[in-house]
Amino acid sequence: MAASEQEILAGLAEIVNEETGIDAASVQSDKSFTDDLDIDSLSMMTIVVNAEEKFGVRIPDEEVKNLVTVGDAVSYIKNAQA
């Protein structure tokens, strides 16, 4: 069964926390991965790989650059599950 947006957001927050140490509570839909959360490209790739495993989706490398905010990633994963 596909995860809800809230479940995806919580799962992403957990992944970001594990990778970067950023408090999961500060990982919110309107936050930019680079500007607000200060996540570099290497950490972002690790987050993407972990999200693919956790949610059973494929996020092609060329799509990663379009995932500017946490909300973008949540939407992409939600649509990829459908």
C-alpha atoms as a PDB file:
ATOM      1  CA  MET A   1       0.000   0.000   0.000  1.00  0.00           C
ATOM      2  CA  ALA A   2       1.247   3.474  -0.871  1.00  0.00           C
ATOM      3  CA  ALA A   3       2.353   5.700   1.974  1.00  0.00           C
ATOM      4  CA  SER A   4       0.459   8.919   2.691  1.00  0.00           C
ATOM      5  CA  GLU A   5       2.178  12.286   2.269  1.00  0.00           C
ATOM      6  CA  GLN A   6       2.462  12.499   6.057  1.00  0.00           C
ATOM      7  CA  GLU A   7       4.129   9.068   6.225  1.00  0.00           C
ATOM      8  CA  ILE A   8       6.488   9.983   3.401  1.00  0.00           C
ATOM      9  CA  LEU A   9       7.383  13.270   5.107  1.00  0.00           C
ATOM     10  CA  ALA A  10       8.033  11.474   8.409  1.00  0.00           C
ATOM     11  CA  GLY A  11      10.117   8.829   6.646  1.00  0.00           C
ATOM     12  CA  LEU A  12      12.159  11.444   4.796  1.00  0.00           C
ATOM     13  CA  ALA A  13      12.691  13.385   8.019  1.00  0.00           C
ATOM     14  CA  GLU A  14      14.024  10.205   9.621  1.00  0.00           C
ATOM     15  CA  ILE A  15      16.372   9.563   6.676  1.00  0.00           C
ATOM     16  CA  VAL A  16      17.621  13.177   6.690  1.00  0.00           C
ATOM     17  CA  ASN A  17      18.167  12.965  10.453  1.00  0.00           C
ATOM     18  CA  GLU A  18      20.172   9.735  10.132  1.00  0.00           C
ATOM     19  CA  GLU A  19      22.313  11.147   7.303  1.00  0.00           C
ATOM     20  CA  THR A  20      22.900  14.688   8.563  1.00  0.00           C
ATOM     21  CA  GLY A  21      21.955  14.841  12.236  1.00  0.00           C
ATOM     22  CA  ILE A  22      19.374  17.545  11.442  1.00  0.00           C
ATOM     23  CA  ASP A  23      16.448  17.367  13.864  1.00  0.00           C
ATOM     24  CA  ALA A  24      13.645  15.443  12.148  1.00  0.00           C
ATOM     25  CA  ALA A  25      11.126  18.047  13.386  1.00  0.00           C
ATOM     26  CA  SER A  26      12.804  20.731  11.256  1.00  0.00           C
ATOM     27  CA  VAL A  27      12.441  18.685   8.051  1.00  0.00           C
ATOM     28  CA  GLN A  28       9.200  20.168   6.713  1.00  0.00           C
ATOM     29  CA  SER A  29       7.603  20.356   3.266  1.00  0.00           C
ATOM     30  CA  ASP A  30       8.471  24.001   2.659  1.00  0.00           C
ATOM     31  CA  LYS A  31      12.166  23.584   3.517  1.00  0.00           C
ATOM     32  CA  SER A  32      14.785  23.654   0.763  1.00  0.00           C
ATOM     33  CA  PHE A  33      17.285  20.800   1.020  1.00  0.00           C
ATOM     34  CA  THR A  34      20.232  23.062   0.179  1.00  0.00           C
ATOM     35  CA  ASP A  35      19.192  26.521   1.419  1.00  0.00           C
ATOM     36  CA  ASP A  36      17.291  25.693   4.614  1.00  0.00           C
ATOM     37  CA  LEU A  37      18.702  22.313   5.615  1.00  0.00           C
ATOM     38  CA  ASP A  38      22.215  22.858   4.229  1.00  0.00           C
ATOM     39  CA  ILE A  39      22.390  19.396   2.636  1.00  0.00           C
ATOM     40  CA  ASP A  40      25.218  18.933   0.136  1.00  0.00           C
ATOM     41  CA  SER A  41      24.990  16.886  -3.062  1.00  0.00           C
ATOM     42  CA  LEU A  42      26.738  13.851  -1.582  1.00  0.00           C
ATOM     43  CA  SER A  43      24.370  13.681   1.383  1.00  0.00           C
ATOM     44  CA  MET A  44      21.449  14.279  -0.978  1.00  0.00           C
ATOM     45  CA  MET A  45      22.403  11.226  -3.050  1.00  0.00           C
ATOM     46  CA  THR A  46      22.547   9.100   0.114  1.00  0.00           C
ATOM     47  CA  ILE A  47      19.144  10.442   1.173  1.00  0.00           C
ATOM     48  CA  VAL A  48      17.740   9.617  -2.288  1.00  0.00           C
ATOM     49  CA  VAL A  49      19.099   6.048  -2.201  1.00  0.00           C
ATOM     50  CA  ASN A  50      17.694   5.508   1.299  1.00  0.00           C
ATOM     51  CA  ALA A  51      14.324   6.974   0.267  1.00  0.00           C
ATOM     52  CA  GLU A  52      14.224   4.666  -2.775  1.00  0.00           C
ATOM     53  CA  GLU A  53      14.775   1.667  -0.511  1.00  0.00           C
ATOM     54  CA  LYS A  54      12.336   2.820   2.170  1.00  0.00           C
ATOM     55  CA  PHE A  55       9.471   3.676  -0.202  1.00  0.00           C
ATOM     56  CA  GLY A  56      10.141   1.166  -2.995  1.00  0.00           C
ATOM     57  CA  VAL A  57      10.457   3.814  -5.700  1.00  0.00           C
ATOM     58  CA  ARG A  58      13.058   4.736  -8.298  1.00  0.00           C
ATOM     59  CA  ILE A  59      14.329   8.332  -8.395  1.00  0.00           C
ATOM     60  CA  PRO A  60      16.487   8.793 -11.516  1.00  0.00           C
ATOM     61  CA  ASP A  61      19.611  10.950 -11.097  1.00  0.00           C
ATOM     62  CA  GLU A  62      18.252  13.533 -13.551  1.00  0.00           C
ATOM     63  CA  GLU A  63      15.160  13.948 -11.341  1.00  0.00           C
ATOM     64  CA  VAL A  64      17.141  14.614  -8.169  1.00  0.00           C
ATOM     65  CA  LYS A  65      18.029  18.162  -9.269  1.00  0.00           C
ATOM     66  CA  ASN A  66      14.283  18.923  -9.474  1.00  0.00           C
ATOM     67  CA  LEU A  67      13.771  17.952  -5.830  1.00  0.00           C
ATOM     68  CA  VAL A  68      14.502  21.396  -4.411  1.00  0.00           C
ATOM     69  CA  THR A  69      12.271  21.267  -1.349  1.00  0.00           C
ATOM     70  CA  VAL A  70      11.251  18.475   0.984  1.00  0.00           C
ATOM     71  CA  GLY A  71       7.734  18.874  -0.434  1.00  0.00           C
ATOM     72  CA  ASP A  72       9.057  18.234  -3.968  1.00  0.00           C
ATOM     73  CA  ALA A  73      10.544  14.953  -2.774  1.00  0.00           C
ATOM     74  CA  VAL A  74       7.334  13.974  -0.949  1.00  0.00           C
ATOM     75  CA  SER A  75       5.267  14.649  -4.096  1.00  0.00           C
ATOM     76  CA  TYR A  76       7.694  12.770  -6.330  1.00  0.00           C
ATOM     77  CA  ILE A  77       7.702   9.704  -4.067  1.00  0.00           C
ATOM     78  CA  LYS A  78       3.899   9.787  -3.706  1.00  0.00           C
ATOM     79  CA  ASN A  79       3.449   9.891  -7.493  1.00  0.00           C
ATOM     80  CA  ALA A  80       6.124   7.252  -8.073  1.00  0.00           C
ATOM     81  CA  GLN A  81       4.260   4.861  -5.759  1.00  0.00           C
ATOM     82  CA  ALA A  82       0.998   5.169  -7.666  1.00  0.00           C
END
